[in-house]
Amino acid sequence: MFYQNWDIDQLYLQESFKVMLLNNANRVKGIFEVSKGGITGTLVDVRIIFGVALKSMTTAMILAHNHPSGTLKPSMPDRTLTVKIQKAAEFLDIKLLDHLIISPYSEYFSFADEGIL
């Protein structure tokens, strides 16, 4: 679903960060673009993520951002941000199901699959 929501041409050019908002049955309520940055990064304000999540009465979410380079290895800032969001989500009783890094080549890295979440 994230690939369908992304402008494919932008996957090669610019890093973006999105959040998929889910209901209690894990059905998609919507996808919100949190930030759009440059070639090597984007700034993510955690307060925006949770402002949108709380206003939409979200009970679970999946994070995603792209790496225009195609590299799927999470950076240290990727890991730190994920932990920060996970802690805030736990406090607010919102399940963080996964954080995906997607590439322009239809590949992805899943924090949940790798046991990081």
C-alpha atoms as a PDB file:
ATOM      1  CA  MET A   1       0.000   0.000   0.000  1.00  0.00           C
ATOM      2  CA  PHE A   2       2.891   2.367   0.676  1.00  0.00           C
ATOM      3  CA  TYR A   3       4.202   1.944  -2.864  1.00  0.00           C
ATOM      4  CA  GLN A   4       0.771   2.810  -4.246  1.00  0.00           C
ATOM      5  CA  ASN A   5       0.762   5.973  -2.138  1.00  0.00           C
ATOM      6  CA  TRP A   6       4.248   7.127  -3.186  1.00  0.00           C
ATOM      7  CA  ASP A   7       5.121   9.062  -6.319  1.00  0.00           C
ATOM      8  CA  ILE A   8       7.478   6.452  -7.806  1.00  0.00           C
ATOM      9  CA  ASP A   9       9.673   9.099  -9.437  1.00  0.00           C
ATOM     10  CA  GLN A  10      10.233  10.720  -6.044  1.00  0.00           C
ATOM     11  CA  LEU A  11      11.508   7.449  -4.565  1.00  0.00           C
ATOM     12  CA  TYR A  12      14.720   7.981  -6.552  1.00  0.00           C
ATOM     13  CA  LEU A  13      15.081  11.665  -5.747  1.00  0.00           C
ATOM     14  CA  GLN A  14      13.949  12.652  -2.308  1.00  0.00           C
ATOM     15  CA  GLU A  15      13.540  11.032   1.101  1.00  0.00           C
ATOM     16  CA  SER A  16      10.028  11.107   2.587  1.00  0.00           C
ATOM     17  CA  PHE A  17       8.568   9.780   5.822  1.00  0.00           C
ATOM     18  CA  LYS A  18       4.974   8.520   6.030  1.00  0.00           C
ATOM     19  CA  VAL A  19       2.740   6.918   8.621  1.00  0.00           C
ATOM     20  CA  MET A  20      -0.049   4.443   7.914  1.00  0.00           C
ATOM     21  CA  LEU A  21      -2.895   4.934  10.373  1.00  0.00           C
ATOM     22  CA  LEU A  22      -4.841   1.817  11.348  1.00  0.00           C
ATOM     23  CA  ASN A  23      -8.006   1.061  13.269  1.00  0.00           C
ATOM     24  CA  ASN A  24      -8.423  -1.605  15.948  1.00  0.00           C
ATOM     25  CA  ALA A  25      -8.889  -4.307  13.265  1.00  0.00           C
ATOM     26  CA  ASN A  26      -5.645  -3.124  11.571  1.00  0.00           C
ATOM     27  CA  ARG A  27      -7.603  -1.729   8.629  1.00  0.00           C
ATOM     28  CA  VAL A  28      -6.065   1.274   6.944  1.00  0.00           C
ATOM     29  CA  LYS A  29      -7.659   4.596   7.847  1.00  0.00           C
ATOM     30  CA  GLY A  30      -5.205   6.597   5.800  1.00  0.00           C
ATOM     31  CA  ILE A  31      -1.580   7.370   5.002  1.00  0.00           C
ATOM     32  CA  PHE A  32      -0.115  10.689   6.082  1.00  0.00           C
ATOM     33  CA  GLU A  33       3.125  12.210   4.796  1.00  0.00           C
ATOM     34  CA  VAL A  34       4.941  13.481   7.860  1.00  0.00           C
ATOM     35  CA  SER A  35       7.915  15.030   6.084  1.00  0.00           C
ATOM     36  CA  LYS A  36       9.770  15.369   2.822  1.00  0.00           C
ATOM     37  CA  GLY A  37      13.472  16.113   2.763  1.00  0.00           C
ATOM     38  CA  GLY A  38      16.508  15.919   0.580  1.00  0.00           C
ATOM     39  CA  ILE A  39      18.538  13.194  -1.049  1.00  0.00           C
ATOM     40  CA  THR A  40      20.045  11.813   2.159  1.00  0.00           C
ATOM     41  CA  GLY A  41      17.521  12.570   4.857  1.00  0.00           C
ATOM     42  CA  THR A  42      14.366  14.188   6.164  1.00  0.00           C
ATOM     43  CA  LEU A  43      13.458  15.693   9.531  1.00  0.00           C
ATOM     44  CA  VAL A  44      10.677  13.935  11.403  1.00  0.00           C
ATOM     45  CA  ASP A  45       8.803  15.733  14.167  1.00  0.00           C
ATOM     46  CA  VAL A  46       7.367  13.030  16.414  1.00  0.00           C
ATOM     47  CA  ARG A  47       4.713  15.445  17.682  1.00  0.00           C
ATOM     48  CA  ILE A  48       3.220  15.658  14.186  1.00  0.00           C
ATOM     49  CA  ILE A  49       2.964  11.853  13.977  1.00  0.00           C
ATOM     50  CA  PHE A  50       1.100  11.638  17.257  1.00  0.00           C
ATOM     51  CA  GLY A  51      -1.010  14.726  16.607  1.00  0.00           C
ATOM     52  CA  VAL A  52      -2.346  13.049  13.468  1.00  0.00           C
ATOM     53  CA  ALA A  53      -2.651   9.653  15.185  1.00  0.00           C
ATOM     54  CA  LEU A  54      -4.640  11.050  18.100  1.00  0.00           C
ATOM     55  CA  LYS A  55      -6.902  13.240  15.960  1.00  0.00           C
ATOM     56  CA  SER A  56      -7.742  10.266  13.745  1.00  0.00           C
ATOM     57  CA  MET A  57      -8.359   7.961  16.734  1.00  0.00           C
ATOM     58  CA  THR A  58      -5.676   5.594  15.462  1.00  0.00           C
ATOM     59  CA  THR A  59      -4.976   2.469  17.513  1.00  0.00           C
ATOM     60  CA  ALA A  60      -2.024   1.140  15.494  1.00  0.00           C
ATOM     61  CA  MET A  61       0.408   2.439  12.915  1.00  0.00           C
ATOM     62  CA  ILE A  62       3.147   1.479  10.515  1.00  0.00           C
ATOM     63  CA  LEU A  63       5.953   3.876   9.679  1.00  0.00           C
ATOM     64  CA  ALA A  64       7.754   4.029   6.348  1.00  0.00           C
ATOM     65  CA  HIS A  65      10.437   6.079   4.720  1.00  0.00           C
ATOM     66  CA  ASN A  66      12.408   5.672   1.548  1.00  0.00           C
ATOM     67  CA  HIS A  67      16.116   5.578   0.850  1.00  0.00           C
ATOM     68  CA  PRO A  68      16.645   7.073  -2.639  1.00  0.00           C
ATOM     69  CA  SER A  69      20.032   5.336  -2.827  1.00  0.00           C
ATOM     70  CA  GLY A  70      18.327   1.950  -2.640  1.00  0.00           C
ATOM     71  CA  THR A  71      20.296   0.986   0.484  1.00  0.00           C
ATOM     72  CA  LEU A  72      18.040  -0.910   2.847  1.00  0.00           C
ATOM     73  CA  LYS A  73      20.292  -0.872   5.905  1.00  0.00           C
ATOM     74  CA  PRO A  74      18.818   1.370   8.632  1.00  0.00           C
ATOM     75  CA  SER A  75      21.081   4.187   9.776  1.00  0.00           C
ATOM     76  CA  MET A  76      21.695   4.952  13.438  1.00  0.00           C
ATOM     77  CA  PRO A  77      19.303   7.953  13.220  1.00  0.00           C
ATOM     78  CA  ASP A  78      16.670   5.588  11.710  1.00  0.00           C
ATOM     79  CA  ARG A  79      17.050   3.257  14.684  1.00  0.00           C
ATOM     80  CA  THR A  80      17.041   6.084  17.247  1.00  0.00           C
ATOM     81  CA  LEU A  81      13.913   7.647  15.763  1.00  0.00           C
ATOM     82  CA  THR A  82      12.132   4.294  15.727  1.00  0.00           C
ATOM     83  CA  VAL A  83      12.852   3.729  19.432  1.00  0.00           C
ATOM     84  CA  LYS A  84      11.688   7.266  20.257  1.00  0.00           C
ATOM     85  CA  ILE A  85       8.411   6.751  18.375  1.00  0.00           C
ATOM     86  CA  GLN A  86       7.952   3.290  19.885  1.00  0.00           C
ATOM     87  CA  LYS A  87       8.263   4.658  23.447  1.00  0.00           C
ATOM     88  CA  ALA A  88       5.781   7.461  22.762  1.00  0.00           C
ATOM     89  CA  ALA A  89       3.360   5.014  21.136  1.00  0.00           C
ATOM     90  CA  GLU A  90       3.495   2.692  24.137  1.00  0.00           C
ATOM     91  CA  PHE A  91       2.703   5.601  26.455  1.00  0.00           C
ATOM     92  CA  LEU A  92      -0.348   6.503  24.338  1.00  0.00           C
ATOM     93  CA  ASP A  93      -1.525   2.881  23.903  1.00  0.00           C
ATOM     94  CA  ILE A  94      -0.926   2.998  20.157  1.00  0.00           C
ATOM     95  CA  LYS A  95       0.667  -0.115  18.658  1.00  0.00           C
ATOM     96  CA  LEU A  96       3.686   0.488  16.458  1.00  0.00           C
ATOM     97  CA  LEU A  97       3.522  -2.561  14.212  1.00  0.00           C
ATOM     98  CA  ASP A  98       6.492  -1.867  11.953  1.00  0.00           C
ATOM     99  CA  HIS A  99       8.871   0.643  10.430  1.00  0.00           C
ATOM    100  CA  LEU A 100       9.696  -0.011   6.795  1.00  0.00           C
ATOM    101  CA  ILE A 101      12.527   1.342   4.705  1.00  0.00           C
ATOM    102  CA  ILE A 102      11.588   1.121   1.063  1.00  0.00           C
ATOM    103  CA  SER A 103      13.764   1.398  -2.002  1.00  0.00           C
ATOM    104  CA  PRO A 104      12.995   2.546  -5.535  1.00  0.00           C
ATOM    105  CA  TYR A 105      13.548  -1.077  -6.616  1.00  0.00           C
ATOM    106  CA  SER A 106      10.448  -2.534  -4.896  1.00  0.00           C
ATOM    107  CA  GLU A 107      12.530  -3.861  -2.003  1.00  0.00           C
ATOM    108  CA  TYR A 108      12.066  -3.118   1.679  1.00  0.00           C
ATOM    109  CA  PHE A 109      13.571  -3.564   5.126  1.00  0.00           C
ATOM    110  CA  SER A 110      11.216  -4.334   8.016  1.00  0.00           C
ATOM    111  CA  PHE A 111      12.224  -3.433  11.572  1.00  0.00           C
ATOM    112  CA  ALA A 112       9.654  -5.968  12.854  1.00  0.00           C
ATOM    113  CA  ASP A 113      10.890  -8.807  10.614  1.00  0.00           C
ATOM    114  CA  GLU A 114      14.456  -8.152  11.788  1.00  0.00           C
ATOM    115  CA  GLY A 115      13.435  -8.214  15.471  1.00  0.00           C
ATOM    116  CA  ILE A 116      14.272  -4.538  16.061  1.00  0.00           C
ATOM    117  CA  LEU A 117      10.677  -3.734  17.066  1.00  0.00           C
END
